[in-house]
PDB file of N, CA and C in Angstrom:
ATOM      1  N   MET A   1     121.982  72.375 156.071  1.00  0.00           N
ATOM      2  CA  MET A   1     120.956  72.670 155.085  1.00  0.00           C
ATOM      3  C   MET A   1     121.427  73.730 154.092  1.00  0.00           C
ATOM      4  N   PHE A   2     122.137  74.762 154.581  1.00  0.00           N
ATOM      5  CA  PHE A   2     122.557  75.827 153.680  1.00  0.00           C
ATOM      6  C   PHE A   2     123.591  75.344 152.672  1.00  0.00           C
ATOM      7  N   GLY A   3     124.339  74.289 152.982  1.00  0.00           N
ATOM      8  CA  GLY A   3     125.331  73.761 152.077  1.00  0.00           C
ATOM      9  C   GLY A   3     124.740  73.087 150.850  1.00  0.00           C
ATOM     10  N   LEU A   4     123.439  72.868 150.841  1.00  0.00           N
ATOM     11  CA  LEU A   4     122.802  72.222 149.702  1.00  0.00           C
ATOM     12  C   LEU A   4     122.767  73.118 148.472  1.00  0.00           C
ATOM     13  N   PHE A   5     122.824  74.422 148.660  1.00  0.00           N
ATOM     14  CA  PHE A   5     122.721  75.365 147.555  1.00  0.00           C
ATOM     15  C   PHE A   5     124.108  75.886 147.219  1.00  0.00           C
ATOM     16  N   LYS A   6     124.605  75.529 146.048  1.00  0.00           N
ATOM     17  CA  LYS A   6     125.929  75.955 145.620  1.00  0.00           C
ATOM     18  C   LYS A   6     125.796  77.093 144.624  1.00  0.00           C
ATOM     19  N   LYS A   7     126.712  78.052 144.708  1.00  0.00           N
ATOM     20  CA  LYS A   7     126.731  79.138 143.747  1.00  0.00           C
ATOM     21  C   LYS A   7     127.152  78.612 142.385  1.00  0.00           C
ATOM     22  N   THR A   8     126.580  79.176 141.355  1.00  0.00           N
ATOM     23  CA  THR A   8     126.968  78.826 139.993  1.00  0.00           C
ATOM     24  C   THR A   8     128.329  79.448 139.718  1.00  0.00           C
ATOM     25  N   PRO A   9     129.309  78.664 139.252  1.00  0.00           N
ATOM     26  CA  PRO A   9     130.640  79.216 138.964  1.00  0.00           C
ATOM     27  C   PRO A   9     130.569  80.345 137.939  1.00  0.00           C
ATOM     28  N   ILE A  10     131.458  81.315 138.096  1.00  0.00           N
ATOM     29  CA  ILE A  10     131.507  82.473 137.205  1.00  0.00           C
ATOM     30  C   ILE A  10     132.655  82.290 136.216  1.00  0.00           C
ATOM     31  N   LEU A  11     132.374  82.545 134.946  1.00  0.00           N
ATOM     32  CA  LEU A  11     133.393  82.432 133.905  1.00  0.00           C
ATOM     33  C   LEU A  11     134.295  83.655 133.893  1.00  0.00           C
ATOM     34  N   ALA A  12     135.549  83.446 133.505  1.00  0.00           N
ATOM     35  CA  ALA A  12     136.494  84.553 133.339  1.00  0.00           C
ATOM     36  C   ALA A  12     136.007  85.445 132.200  1.00  0.00           C
ATOM     37  N   THR A  13     136.230  86.747 132.360  1.00  0.00           N
ATOM     38  CA  THR A  13     135.768  87.713 131.360  1.00  0.00           C
ATOM     39  C   THR A  13     136.936  88.413 130.697  1.00  0.00           C
ATOM     40  N   ASN A  14     136.629  89.132 129.638  1.00  0.00           N
ATOM     41  CA  ASN A  14     137.582  90.028 129.010  1.00  0.00           C
ATOM     42  C   ASN A  14     136.907  91.387 128.898  1.00  0.00           C
ATOM     43  N   ARG A  15     137.467  92.282 128.137  1.00  0.00           N
ATOM     44  CA  ARG A  15     136.894  93.629 128.067  1.00  0.00           C
ATOM     45  C   ARG A  15     135.720  93.750 127.108  1.00  0.00           C
ATOM     46  N   ASP A  16     135.527  92.778 126.276  1.00  0.00           N
ATOM     47  CA  ASP A  16     134.507  92.879 125.224  1.00  0.00           C
ATOM     48  C   ASP A  16     133.429  91.815 125.370  1.00  0.00           C
ATOM     49  N   PHE A  17     132.286  92.141 124.825  1.00  0.00           N
ATOM     50  CA  PHE A  17     131.172  91.188 124.737  1.00  0.00           C
ATOM     51  C   PHE A  17     131.224  90.609 123.327  1.00  0.00           C
ATOM     52  N   LYS A  18     131.910  89.483 123.170  1.00  0.00           N
ATOM     53  CA  LYS A  18     132.154  88.948 121.837  1.00  0.00           C
ATOM     54  C   LYS A  18     131.518  87.592 121.563  1.00  0.00           C
ATOM     55  N   VAL A  19     131.057  86.904 122.595  1.00  0.00           N
ATOM     56  CA  VAL A  19     130.525  85.559 122.373  1.00  0.00           C
ATOM     57  C   VAL A  19     129.067  85.675 121.938  1.00  0.00           C
ATOM     58  N   ASN A  20     128.799  85.246 120.713  1.00  0.00           N
ATOM     59  CA  ASN A  20     127.453  85.336 120.149  1.00  0.00           C
ATOM     60  C   ASN A  20     126.521  84.288 120.748  1.00  0.00           C
ATOM     61  N   ILE A  21     125.257  84.622 120.725  1.00  0.00           N
ATOM     62  CA  ILE A  21     124.188  83.707 121.118  1.00  0.00           C
ATOM     63  C   ILE A  21     123.400  83.409 119.852  1.00  0.00           C
ATOM     64  N   VAL A  22     123.058  82.157 119.642  1.00  0.00           N
ATOM     65  CA  VAL A  22     122.295  81.786 118.441  1.00  0.00           C
ATOM     66  C   VAL A  22     120.858  81.451 118.827  1.00  0.00           C
ATOM     67  N   GLY A  23     119.958  81.606 117.861  1.00  0.00           N
ATOM     68  CA  GLY A  23     118.550  81.274 118.077  1.00  0.00           C
ATOM     69  C   GLY A  23     117.748  82.366 118.762  1.00  0.00           C
ATOM     70  N   GLU A  24     118.317  83.558 118.883  1.00  0.00           N
ATOM     71  CA  GLU A  24     117.619  84.649 119.584  1.00  0.00           C
ATOM     72  C   GLU A  24     116.288  85.005 118.946  1.00  0.00           C
ATOM     73  N   SER A  25     116.169  84.815 117.649  1.00  0.00           N
ATOM     74  CA  SER A  25     114.925  85.195 116.981  1.00  0.00           C
ATOM     75  C   SER A  25     113.734  84.399 117.510  1.00  0.00           C
ATOM     76  N   PHE A  26     113.976  83.219 118.069  1.00  0.00           N
ATOM     77  CA  PHE A  26     112.905  82.390 118.623  1.00  0.00           C
ATOM     78  C   PHE A  26     112.523  82.799 120.044  1.00  0.00           C
ATOM     79  N   TYR A  27     113.308  83.687 120.651  1.00  0.00           N
ATOM     80  CA  TYR A  27     113.107  84.060 122.050  1.00  0.00           C
ATOM     81  C   TYR A  27     112.917  85.568 122.223  1.00  0.00           C
ATOM     82  N   GLN A  28     112.365  86.228 121.200  1.00  0.00           N
ATOM     83  CA  GLN A  28     112.182  87.676 121.264  1.00  0.00           C
ATOM     84  C   GLN A  28     111.245  88.093 122.397  1.00  0.00           C
ATOM     85  N   ASP A  29     110.236  87.291 122.710  1.00  0.00           N
ATOM     86  CA  ASP A  29     109.334  87.644 123.813  1.00  0.00           C
ATOM     87  C   ASP A  29     110.104  87.728 125.131  1.00  0.00           C
ATOM     88  N   SER A  30     110.945  86.744 125.400  1.00  0.00           N
ATOM     89  CA  SER A  30     111.754  86.756 126.631  1.00  0.00           C
ATOM     90  C   SER A  30     112.752  87.901 126.608  1.00  0.00           C
ATOM     91  N   LEU A  31     113.422  88.097 125.476  1.00  0.00           N
ATOM     92  CA  LEU A  31     114.391  89.190 125.379  1.00  0.00           C
ATOM     93  C   LEU A  31     113.722  90.549 125.565  1.00  0.00           C
ATOM     94  N   GLN A  32     112.509  90.698 125.064  1.00  0.00           N
ATOM     95  CA  GLN A  32     111.791  91.962 125.224  1.00  0.00           C
ATOM     96  C   GLN A  32     111.505  92.227 126.699  1.00  0.00           C
ATOM     97  N   ILE A  33     111.101  91.215 127.446  1.00  0.00           N
ATOM     98  CA  ILE A  33     110.839  91.373 128.886  1.00  0.00           C
ATOM     99  C   ILE A  33     112.122  91.780 129.608  1.00  0.00           C
ATOM    100  N   ILE A  34     113.213  91.092 129.305  1.00  0.00           N
ATOM    101  CA  ILE A  34     114.495  91.399 129.960  1.00  0.00           C
ATOM    102  C   ILE A  34     114.940  92.802 129.588  1.00  0.00           C
ATOM    103  N   TRP A  35     114.826  93.160 128.304  1.00  0.00           N
ATOM    104  CA  TRP A  35     115.235  94.482 127.822  1.00  0.00           C
ATOM    105  C   TRP A  35     114.460  95.586 128.545  1.00  0.00           C
ATOM    106  N   LYS A  36     113.171  95.378 128.770  1.00  0.00           N
ATOM    107  CA  LYS A  36     112.347  96.370 129.462  1.00  0.00           C
ATOM    108  C   LYS A  36     112.682  96.462 130.946  1.00  0.00           C
ATOM    109  N   ARG A  37     113.132  95.359 131.557  1.00  0.00           N
ATOM    110  CA  ARG A  37     113.428  95.338 132.989  1.00  0.00           C
ATOM    111  C   ARG A  37     114.819  95.866 133.332  1.00  0.00           C
ATOM    112  N   THR A  38     115.673  96.038 132.341  1.00  0.00           N
ATOM    113  CA  THR A  38     117.035  96.492 132.598  1.00  0.00           C
ATOM    114  C   THR A  38     117.262  97.844 131.941  1.00  0.00           C
ATOM    115  N   ASN A  39     118.286  98.543 132.405  1.00  0.00           N
ATOM    116  CA  ASN A  39     118.673  99.777 131.733  1.00  0.00           C
ATOM    117  C   ASN A  39     120.102  99.620 131.230  1.00  0.00           C
ATOM    118  N   LYS A  40     120.596 100.626 130.524  1.00  0.00           N
ATOM    119  CA  LYS A  40     121.895 100.484 129.863  1.00  0.00           C
ATOM    120  C   LYS A  40     123.039 100.284 130.842  1.00  0.00           C
ATOM    121  N   ASP A  41     122.860 100.653 132.100  1.00  0.00           N
ATOM    122  CA  ASP A  41     123.923 100.496 133.085  1.00  0.00           C
ATOM    123  C   ASP A  41     123.854  99.170 133.840  1.00  0.00           C
ATOM    124  N   ASP A  42     122.762  98.440 133.664  1.00  0.00           N
ATOM    125  CA  ASP A  42     122.646  97.138 134.318  1.00  0.00           C
ATOM    126  C   ASP A  42     123.612  96.148 133.682  1.00  0.00           C
ATOM    127  N   ARG A  43     124.105  95.251 134.480  1.00  0.00           N
ATOM    128  CA  ARG A  43     124.941  94.159 133.994  1.00  0.00           C
ATOM    129  C   ARG A  43     124.315  92.841 134.425  1.00  0.00           C
ATOM    130  N   PRO A  44     123.253  92.431 133.730  1.00  0.00           N
ATOM    131  CA  PRO A  44     122.614  91.171 134.113  1.00  0.00           C
ATOM    132  C   PRO A  44     123.557  90.000 133.898  1.00  0.00           C
ATOM    133  N   LYS A  45     123.298  88.925 134.590  1.00  0.00           N
ATOM    134  CA  LYS A  45     124.079  87.703 134.457  1.00  0.00           C
ATOM    135  C   LYS A  45     123.330  86.722 133.563  1.00  0.00           C
ATOM    136  N   ALA A  46     124.082  86.039 132.752  1.00  0.00           N
ATOM    137  CA  ALA A  46     123.542  84.950 131.936  1.00  0.00           C
ATOM    138  C   ALA A  46     123.990  83.644 132.561  1.00  0.00           C
ATOM    139  N   LYS A  47     123.098  82.697 132.599  1.00  0.00           N
ATOM    140  CA  LYS A  47     123.439  81.364 133.080  1.00  0.00           C
ATOM    141  C   LYS A  47     123.573  80.450 131.868  1.00  0.00           C
ATOM    142  N   LEU A  48     124.691  79.741 131.778  1.00  0.00           N
ATOM    143  CA  LEU A  48     124.946  78.799 130.699  1.00  0.00           C
ATOM    144  C   LEU A  48     124.628  77.412 131.237  1.00  0.00           C
ATOM    145  N   VAL A  49     123.652  76.754 130.618  1.00  0.00           N
ATOM    146  CA  VAL A  49     123.126  75.494 131.138  1.00  0.00           C
ATOM    147  C   VAL A  49     123.210  74.408 130.058  1.00  0.00           C
ATOM    148  N   PRO A  50     124.065  73.402 130.250  1.00  0.00           N
ATOM    149  CA  PRO A  50     124.088  72.299 129.282  1.00  0.00           C
ATOM    150  C   PRO A  50     122.698  71.664 129.146  1.00  0.00           C
ATOM    151  N   ASP A  51     122.337  71.336 127.905  1.00  0.00           N
ATOM    152  CA  ASP A  51     120.999  70.824 127.599  1.00  0.00           C
ATOM    153  C   ASP A  51     121.122  69.507 126.830  1.00  0.00           C
ATOM    154  N   PRO A  52     121.557  68.423 127.518  1.00  0.00           N
ATOM    155  CA  PRO A  52     121.816  67.157 126.816  1.00  0.00           C
ATOM    156  C   PRO A  52     120.574  66.509 126.203  1.00  0.00           C
ATOM    157  N   LYS A  53     119.386  66.919 126.613  1.00  0.00           N
ATOM    158  CA  LYS A  53     118.148  66.355 126.058  1.00  0.00           C
ATOM    159  C   LYS A  53     117.644  67.138 124.852  1.00  0.00           C
ATOM    160  N   ASN A  54     118.413  68.136 124.412  1.00  0.00           N
ATOM    161  CA  ASN A  54     118.021  68.920 123.246  1.00  0.00           C
ATOM    162  C   ASN A  54     117.932  67.989 122.036  1.00  0.00           C
ATOM    163  N   PRO A  55     116.772  67.952 121.342  1.00  0.00           N
ATOM    164  CA  PRO A  55     116.604  67.011 120.230  1.00  0.00           C
ATOM    165  C   PRO A  55     117.462  67.318 119.003  1.00  0.00           C
ATOM    166  N   HIS A  56     118.018  68.534 118.914  1.00  0.00           N
ATOM    167  CA  HIS A  56     118.815  68.921 117.751  1.00  0.00           C
ATOM    168  C   HIS A  56     120.313  68.766 117.982  1.00  0.00           C
ATOM    169  N   ASP A  57     120.747  68.808 119.262  1.00  0.00           N
ATOM    170  CA  ASP A  57     122.180  68.769 119.548  1.00  0.00           C
ATOM    171  C   ASP A  57     122.394  68.372 121.007  1.00  0.00           C
ATOM    172  N   ALA A  58     122.947  67.205 121.225  1.00  0.00           N
ATOM    173  CA  ALA A  58     123.186  66.720 122.597  1.00  0.00           C
ATOM    174  C   ALA A  58     124.224  67.557 123.327  1.00  0.00           C
ATOM    175  N   ASN A  59     125.024  68.346 122.580  1.00  0.00           N
ATOM    176  CA  ASN A  59     126.014  69.235 123.197  1.00  0.00           C
ATOM    177  C   ASN A  59     125.468  70.641 123.440  1.00  0.00           C
ATOM    178  N   ALA A  60     124.205  70.876 123.184  1.00  0.00           N
ATOM    179  CA  ALA A  60     123.639  72.221 123.292  1.00  0.00           C
ATOM    180  C   ALA A  60     123.850  72.803 124.687  1.00  0.00           C
ATOM    181  N   VAL A  61     124.118  74.108 124.710  1.00  0.00           N
ATOM    182  CA  VAL A  61     124.231  74.852 125.968  1.00  0.00           C
ATOM    183  C   VAL A  61     123.272  76.031 125.844  1.00  0.00           C
ATOM    184  N   LYS A  62     122.201  75.993 126.641  1.00  0.00           N
ATOM    185  CA  LYS A  62     121.224  77.085 126.552  1.00  0.00           C
ATOM    186  C   LYS A  62     121.648  78.237 127.448  1.00  0.00           C
ATOM    187  N   ILE A  63     121.172  79.415 127.071  1.00  0.00           N
ATOM    188  CA  ILE A  63     121.471  80.646 127.790  1.00  0.00           C
ATOM    189  C   ILE A  63     120.185  81.121 128.445  1.00  0.00           C
ATOM    190  N   GLU A  64     120.254  81.371 129.747  1.00  0.00           N
ATOM    191  CA  GLU A  64     119.111  81.885 130.501  1.00  0.00           C
ATOM    192  C   GLU A  64     119.490  83.203 131.170  1.00  0.00           C
ATOM    193  N   VAL A  65     118.552  84.125 131.159  1.00  0.00           N
ATOM    194  CA  VAL A  65     118.700  85.409 131.867  1.00  0.00           C
ATOM    195  C   VAL A  65     117.415  85.634 132.644  1.00  0.00           C
ATOM    196  N   MET A  66     117.544  85.949 133.918  1.00  0.00           N
ATOM    197  CA  MET A  66     116.381  86.154 134.788  1.00  0.00           C
ATOM    198  C   MET A  66     115.432  84.957 134.719  1.00  0.00           C
ATOM    199  N   GLY A  67     115.999  83.774 134.564  1.00  0.00           N
ATOM    200  CA  GLY A  67     115.202  82.550 134.515  1.00  0.00           C
ATOM    201  C   GLY A  67     114.534  82.275 133.184  1.00  0.00           C
ATOM    202  N   MET A  68     114.789  83.118 132.184  1.00  0.00           N
ATOM    203  CA  MET A  68     114.162  82.947 130.867  1.00  0.00           C
ATOM    204  C   MET A  68     115.185  82.484 129.838  1.00  0.00           C
ATOM    205  N   HIS A  69     114.795  81.521 129.035  1.00  0.00           N
ATOM    206  CA  HIS A  69     115.640  80.994 127.965  1.00  0.00           C
ATOM    207  C   HIS A  69     115.672  82.019 126.836  1.00  0.00           C
ATOM    208  N   ILE A  70     116.907  82.393 126.387  1.00  0.00           N
ATOM    209  CA  ILE A  70     117.007  83.399 125.326  1.00  0.00           C
ATOM    210  C   ILE A  70     117.785  82.923 124.098  1.00  0.00           C
ATOM    211  N   GLY A  71     118.330  81.712 124.129  1.00  0.00           N
ATOM    212  CA  GLY A  71     119.095  81.215 122.995  1.00  0.00           C
ATOM    213  C   GLY A  71     120.104  80.178 123.440  1.00  0.00           C
ATOM    214  N   PHE A  72     121.108  79.933 122.581  1.00  0.00           N
ATOM    215  CA  PHE A  72     122.111  78.899 122.816  1.00  0.00           C
ATOM    216  C   PHE A  72     123.496  79.402 122.450  1.00  0.00           C
ATOM    217  N   LEU A  73     124.523  78.741 122.983  1.00  0.00           N
ATOM    218  CA  LEU A  73     125.868  78.917 122.439  1.00  0.00           C
ATOM    219  C   LEU A  73     125.874  78.322 121.040  1.00  0.00           C
ATOM    220  N   SER A  74     126.748  78.814 120.176  1.00  0.00           N
ATOM    221  CA  SER A  74     126.900  78.201 118.852  1.00  0.00           C
ATOM    222  C   SER A  74     127.375  76.759 119.033  1.00  0.00           C
ATOM    223  N   LYS A  75     127.221  75.941 118.009  1.00  0.00           N
ATOM    224  CA  LYS A  75     127.665  74.540 118.091  1.00  0.00           C
ATOM    225  C   LYS A  75     129.145  74.457 118.448  1.00  0.00           C
ATOM    226  N   GLU A  76     129.957  75.321 117.836  1.00  0.00           N
ATOM    227  CA  GLU A  76     131.399  75.298 118.099  1.00  0.00           C
ATOM    228  C   GLU A  76     131.701  75.681 119.540  1.00  0.00           C
ATOM    229  N   ASP A  77     131.055  76.739 120.025  1.00  0.00           N
ATOM    230  CA  ASP A  77     131.280  77.154 121.418  1.00  0.00           C
ATOM    231  C   ASP A  77     130.747  76.119 122.405  1.00  0.00           C
ATOM    232  N   ALA A  78     129.651  75.453 122.066  1.00  0.00           N
ATOM    233  CA  ALA A  78     129.092  74.431 122.954  1.00  0.00           C
ATOM    234  C   ALA A  78     130.064  73.256 123.104  1.00  0.00           C
ATOM    235  N   ILE A  79     130.705  72.865 122.024  1.00  0.00           N
ATOM    236  CA  ILE A  79     131.699  71.784 122.093  1.00  0.00           C
ATOM    237  C   ILE A  79     132.858  72.208 122.988  1.00  0.00           C
ATOM    238  N   ARG A  80     133.333  73.448 122.810  1.00  0.00           N
ATOM    239  CA  ARG A  80     134.422  73.964 123.664  1.00  0.00           C
ATOM    240  C   ARG A  80     133.992  74.020 125.130  1.00  0.00           C
ATOM    241  N   TYR A  81     132.756  74.444 125.363  1.00  0.00           N
ATOM    242  CA  TYR A  81     132.245  74.542 126.728  1.00  0.00           C
ATOM    243  C   TYR A  81     132.220  73.162 127.379  1.00  0.00           C
ATOM    244  N   HIS A  82     131.681  72.177 126.668  1.00  0.00           N
ATOM    245  CA  HIS A  82     131.599  70.809 127.212  1.00  0.00           C
ATOM    246  C   HIS A  82     132.979  70.226 127.477  1.00  0.00           C
ATOM    247  N   ALA A  83     133.960  70.557 126.640  1.00  0.00           N
ATOM    248  CA  ALA A  83     135.317  70.043 126.837  1.00  0.00           C
ATOM    249  C   ALA A  83     135.895  70.536 128.165  1.00  0.00           C
ATOM    250  N   GLU A  84     135.514  71.726 128.567  1.00  0.00           N
ATOM    251  CA  GLU A  84     136.038  72.310 129.809  1.00  0.00           C
ATOM    252  C   GLU A  84     135.191  71.982 131.033  1.00  0.00           C
ATOM    253  N   PHE A  85     133.863  72.041 130.902  1.00  0.00           N
ATOM    254  CA  PHE A  85     132.976  71.948 132.069  1.00  0.00           C
ATOM    255  C   PHE A  85     132.058  70.743 132.094  1.00  0.00           C
ATOM    256  N   GLY A  86     131.974  70.000 130.992  1.00  0.00           N
ATOM    257  CA  GLY A  86     131.072  68.853 130.973  1.00  0.00           C
ATOM    258  C   GLY A  86     129.638  69.303 131.230  1.00  0.00           C
ATOM    259  N   PRO A  87     128.937  68.648 132.173  1.00  0.00           N
ATOM    260  CA  PRO A  87     127.522  68.963 132.405  1.00  0.00           C
ATOM    261  C   PRO A  87     127.274  70.114 133.385  1.00  0.00           C
ATOM    262  N   LYS A  88     128.321  70.819 133.807  1.00  0.00           N
ATOM    263  CA  LYS A  88     128.159  71.869 134.820  1.00  0.00           C
ATOM    264  C   LYS A  88     127.678  73.183 134.213  1.00  0.00           C
ATOM    265  N   SER A  89     126.820  73.880 134.951  1.00  0.00           N
ATOM    266  CA  SER A  89     126.363  75.215 134.561  1.00  0.00           C
ATOM    267  C   SER A  89     127.387  76.248 135.020  1.00  0.00           C
ATOM    268  N   SER A  90     127.314  77.434 134.427  1.00  0.00           N
ATOM    269  CA  SER A  90     128.168  78.551 134.831  1.00  0.00           C
ATOM    270  C   SER A  90     127.413  79.847 134.524  1.00  0.00           C
ATOM    271  N   GLN A  91     128.042  80.969 134.848  1.00  0.00           N
ATOM    272  CA  GLN A  91     127.412  82.256 134.546  1.00  0.00           C
ATOM    273  C   GLN A  91     128.459  83.265 134.108  1.00  0.00           C
ATOM    274  N   CYS A  92     127.992  84.303 133.400  1.00  0.00           N
ATOM    275  CA  CYS A  92     128.858  85.396 132.965  1.00  0.00           C
ATOM    276  C   CYS A  92     127.995  86.628 132.695  1.00  0.00           C
ATOM    277  N   ASN A  93     128.653  87.740 132.441  1.00  0.00           N
ATOM    278  CA  ASN A  93     127.929  88.967 132.110  1.00  0.00           C
ATOM    279  C   ASN A  93     127.355  88.867 130.700  1.00  0.00           C
ATOM    280  N   ILE A  94     126.281  89.602 130.499  1.00  0.00           N
ATOM    281  CA  ILE A  94     125.631  89.631 129.189  1.00  0.00           C
ATOM    282  C   ILE A  94     125.239  91.066 128.872  1.00  0.00           C
ATOM    283  N   ARG A  95     125.284  91.411 127.606  1.00  0.00           N
ATOM    284  CA  ARG A  95     124.811  92.725 127.163  1.00  0.00           C
ATOM    285  C   ARG A  95     123.615  92.503 126.248  1.00  0.00           C
ATOM    286  N   ILE A  96     122.504  93.147 126.593  1.00  0.00           N
ATOM    287  CA  ILE A  96     121.274  93.085 125.810  1.00  0.00           C
ATOM    288  C   ILE A  96     121.186  94.390 125.014  1.00  0.00           C
ATOM    289  N   TYR A  97     120.934  94.307 123.727  1.00  0.00           N
ATOM    290  CA  TYR A  97     120.833  95.520 122.921  1.00  0.00           C
ATOM    291  C   TYR A  97     119.816  95.326 121.802  1.00  0.00           C
ATOM    292  N   GLY A  98     119.402  96.430 121.236  1.00  0.00           N
ATOM    293  CA  GLY A  98     118.403  96.399 120.169  1.00  0.00           C
ATOM    294  C   GLY A  98     117.191  97.198 120.573  1.00  0.00           C
ATOM    295  N   GLY A  99     116.051  96.851 120.031  1.00  0.00           N
ATOM    296  CA  GLY A  99     114.834  97.575 120.352  1.00  0.00           C
ATOM    297  C   GLY A  99     113.708  97.198 119.414  1.00  0.00           C
ATOM    298  N   PHE A 100     112.852  98.178 119.175  1.00  0.00           N
ATOM    299  CA  PHE A 100     111.674  97.940 118.360  1.00  0.00           C
ATOM    300  C   PHE A 100     111.899  98.410 116.932  1.00  0.00           C
ATOM    301  N   ASN A 101     111.362  97.665 115.976  1.00  0.00           N
ATOM    302  CA  ASN A 101     111.403  98.051 114.564  1.00  0.00           C
ATOM    303  C   ASN A 101     110.218  98.968 114.271  1.00  0.00           C
ATOM    304  N   ASP A 102     110.196  99.551 113.076  1.00  0.00           N
ATOM    305  CA  ASP A 102     109.108 100.449 112.681  1.00  0.00           C
ATOM    306  C   ASP A 102     107.745  99.763 112.707  1.00  0.00           C
ATOM    307  N   ASP A 103     107.730  98.463 112.468  1.00  0.00           N
ATOM    308  CA  ASP A 103     106.454  97.735 112.445  1.00  0.00           C
ATOM    309  C   ASP A 103     106.067  97.187 113.829  1.00  0.00           C
ATOM    310  N   SER A 104     106.702  97.692 114.890  1.00  0.00           N
ATOM    311  CA  SER A 104     106.444  97.317 116.284  1.00  0.00           C
ATOM    312  C   SER A 104     106.974  95.930 116.659  1.00  0.00           C
ATOM    313  N   SER A 105     107.657  95.267 115.720  1.00  0.00           N
ATOM    314  CA  SER A 105     108.293  93.998 116.086  1.00  0.00           C
ATOM    315  C   SER A 105     109.602  94.310 116.813  1.00  0.00           C
ATOM    316  N   THR A 106     110.134  93.315 117.488  1.00  0.00           N
ATOM    317  CA  THR A 106     111.387  93.533 118.210  1.00  0.00           C
ATOM    318  C   THR A 106     112.555  92.913 117.462  1.00  0.00           C
ATOM    319  N   ASN A 107     113.697  93.512 117.665  1.00  0.00           N
ATOM    320  CA  ASN A 107     114.946  92.983 117.135  1.00  0.00           C
ATOM    321  C   ASN A 107     115.977  93.143 118.246  1.00  0.00           C
ATOM    322  N   ILE A 108     115.904  92.268 119.235  1.00  0.00           N
ATOM    323  CA  ILE A 108     116.760  92.359 120.406  1.00  0.00           C
ATOM    324  C   ILE A 108     117.769  91.230 120.350  1.00  0.00           C
ATOM    325  N   SER A 109     119.018  91.575 120.612  1.00  0.00           N
ATOM    326  CA  SER A 109     120.102  90.611 120.587  1.00  0.00           C
ATOM    327  C   SER A 109     120.872  90.674 121.896  1.00  0.00           C
ATOM    328  N   ALA A 110     121.817  89.758 122.040  1.00  0.00           N
ATOM    329  CA  ALA A 110     122.644  89.740 123.243  1.00  0.00           C
ATOM    330  C   ALA A 110     123.989  89.109 122.917  1.00  0.00           C
ATOM    331  N   LYS A 111     125.003  89.502 123.672  1.00  0.00           N
ATOM    332  CA  LYS A 111     126.332  88.906 123.561  1.00  0.00           C
ATOM    333  C   LYS A 111     126.857  88.657 124.962  1.00  0.00           C
ATOM    334  N   LEU A 112     127.646  87.595 125.079  1.00  0.00           N
ATOM    335  CA  LEU A 112     128.227  87.217 126.366  1.00  0.00           C
ATOM    336  C   LEU A 112     129.634  87.785 126.501  1.00  0.00           C
ATOM    337  N   ASN A 113     130.006  88.071 127.733  1.00  0.00           N
ATOM    338  CA  ASN A 113     131.354  88.524 128.041  1.00  0.00           C
ATOM    339  C   ASN A 113     132.058  87.405 128.792  1.00  0.00           C
ATOM    340  N   CYS A 114     132.730  86.533 128.043  1.00  0.00           N
ATOM    341  CA  CYS A 114     133.520  85.468 128.657  1.00  0.00           C
ATOM    342  C   CYS A 114     134.681  85.126 127.725  1.00  0.00           C
ATOM    343  N   LYS A 115     135.777  84.709 128.335  1.00  0.00           N
ATOM    344  CA  LYS A 115     136.970  84.371 127.563  1.00  0.00           C
ATOM    345  C   LYS A 115     136.801  83.044 126.839  1.00  0.00           C
ATOM    346  N   ARG A 116     137.480  82.945 125.708  1.00  0.00           N
ATOM    347  CA  ARG A 116     137.636  81.665 125.023  1.00  0.00           C
ATOM    348  C   ARG A 116     139.111  81.342 125.065  1.00  0.00           C
ATOM    349  N   PRO A 117     139.534  80.153 125.396  1.00  0.00           N
ATOM    350  CA  PRO A 117     138.696  79.053 125.819  1.00  0.00           C
ATOM    351  C   PRO A 117     137.990  79.376 127.128  1.00  0.00           C
ATOM    352  N   PHE A 118     136.831  78.752 127.320  1.00  0.00           N
ATOM    353  CA  PHE A 118     136.046  78.998 128.523  1.00  0.00           C
ATOM    354  C   PHE A 118     136.852  78.575 129.738  1.00  0.00           C
ATOM    355  N   GLN A 119     136.850  79.437 130.758  1.00  0.00           N
ATOM    356  CA  GLN A 119     137.561  79.150 131.993  1.00  0.00           C
ATOM    357  C   GLN A 119     136.915  79.886 133.142  1.00  0.00           C
ATOM    358  N   LEU A 120     137.116  79.397 134.353  1.00  0.00           N
ATOM    359  CA  LEU A 120     136.546  80.049 135.519  1.00  0.00           C
ATOM    360  C   LEU A 120     137.343  81.287 135.885  1.00  0.00           C
ATOM    361  N   ALA A 121     136.650  82.232 136.499  1.00  0.00           N
ATOM    362  CA  ALA A 121     137.299  83.472 136.961  1.00  0.00           C
ATOM    363  C   ALA A 121     138.216  83.172 138.132  1.00  0.00           C
TER     364      ALA A 121
END
């Protein structure tokens, strides 16, 4: 029974958080929750999940943190990801940064820490 649950593979990292996430402006509510639940020393994990049913891009790879959708890999990175992993999910470190604007709106962003080309650790 325990063999039914497999760990999500971890992507190889580098020293920098350079992989951009797109569409974050549509997920500010989720990013705000994650930002409030973590502190600057936390290293939350992002799950990269292929989304073949996405109506805008069959190669889309969505990014989830703490079970919440926060954006996507860029189209170019999604193509590279699919070339290496196909329909498999993976995970890597993520850095959440930003905060509140003067008008109380949020401007929270995130970057992934994984090597390009995408590869397992």
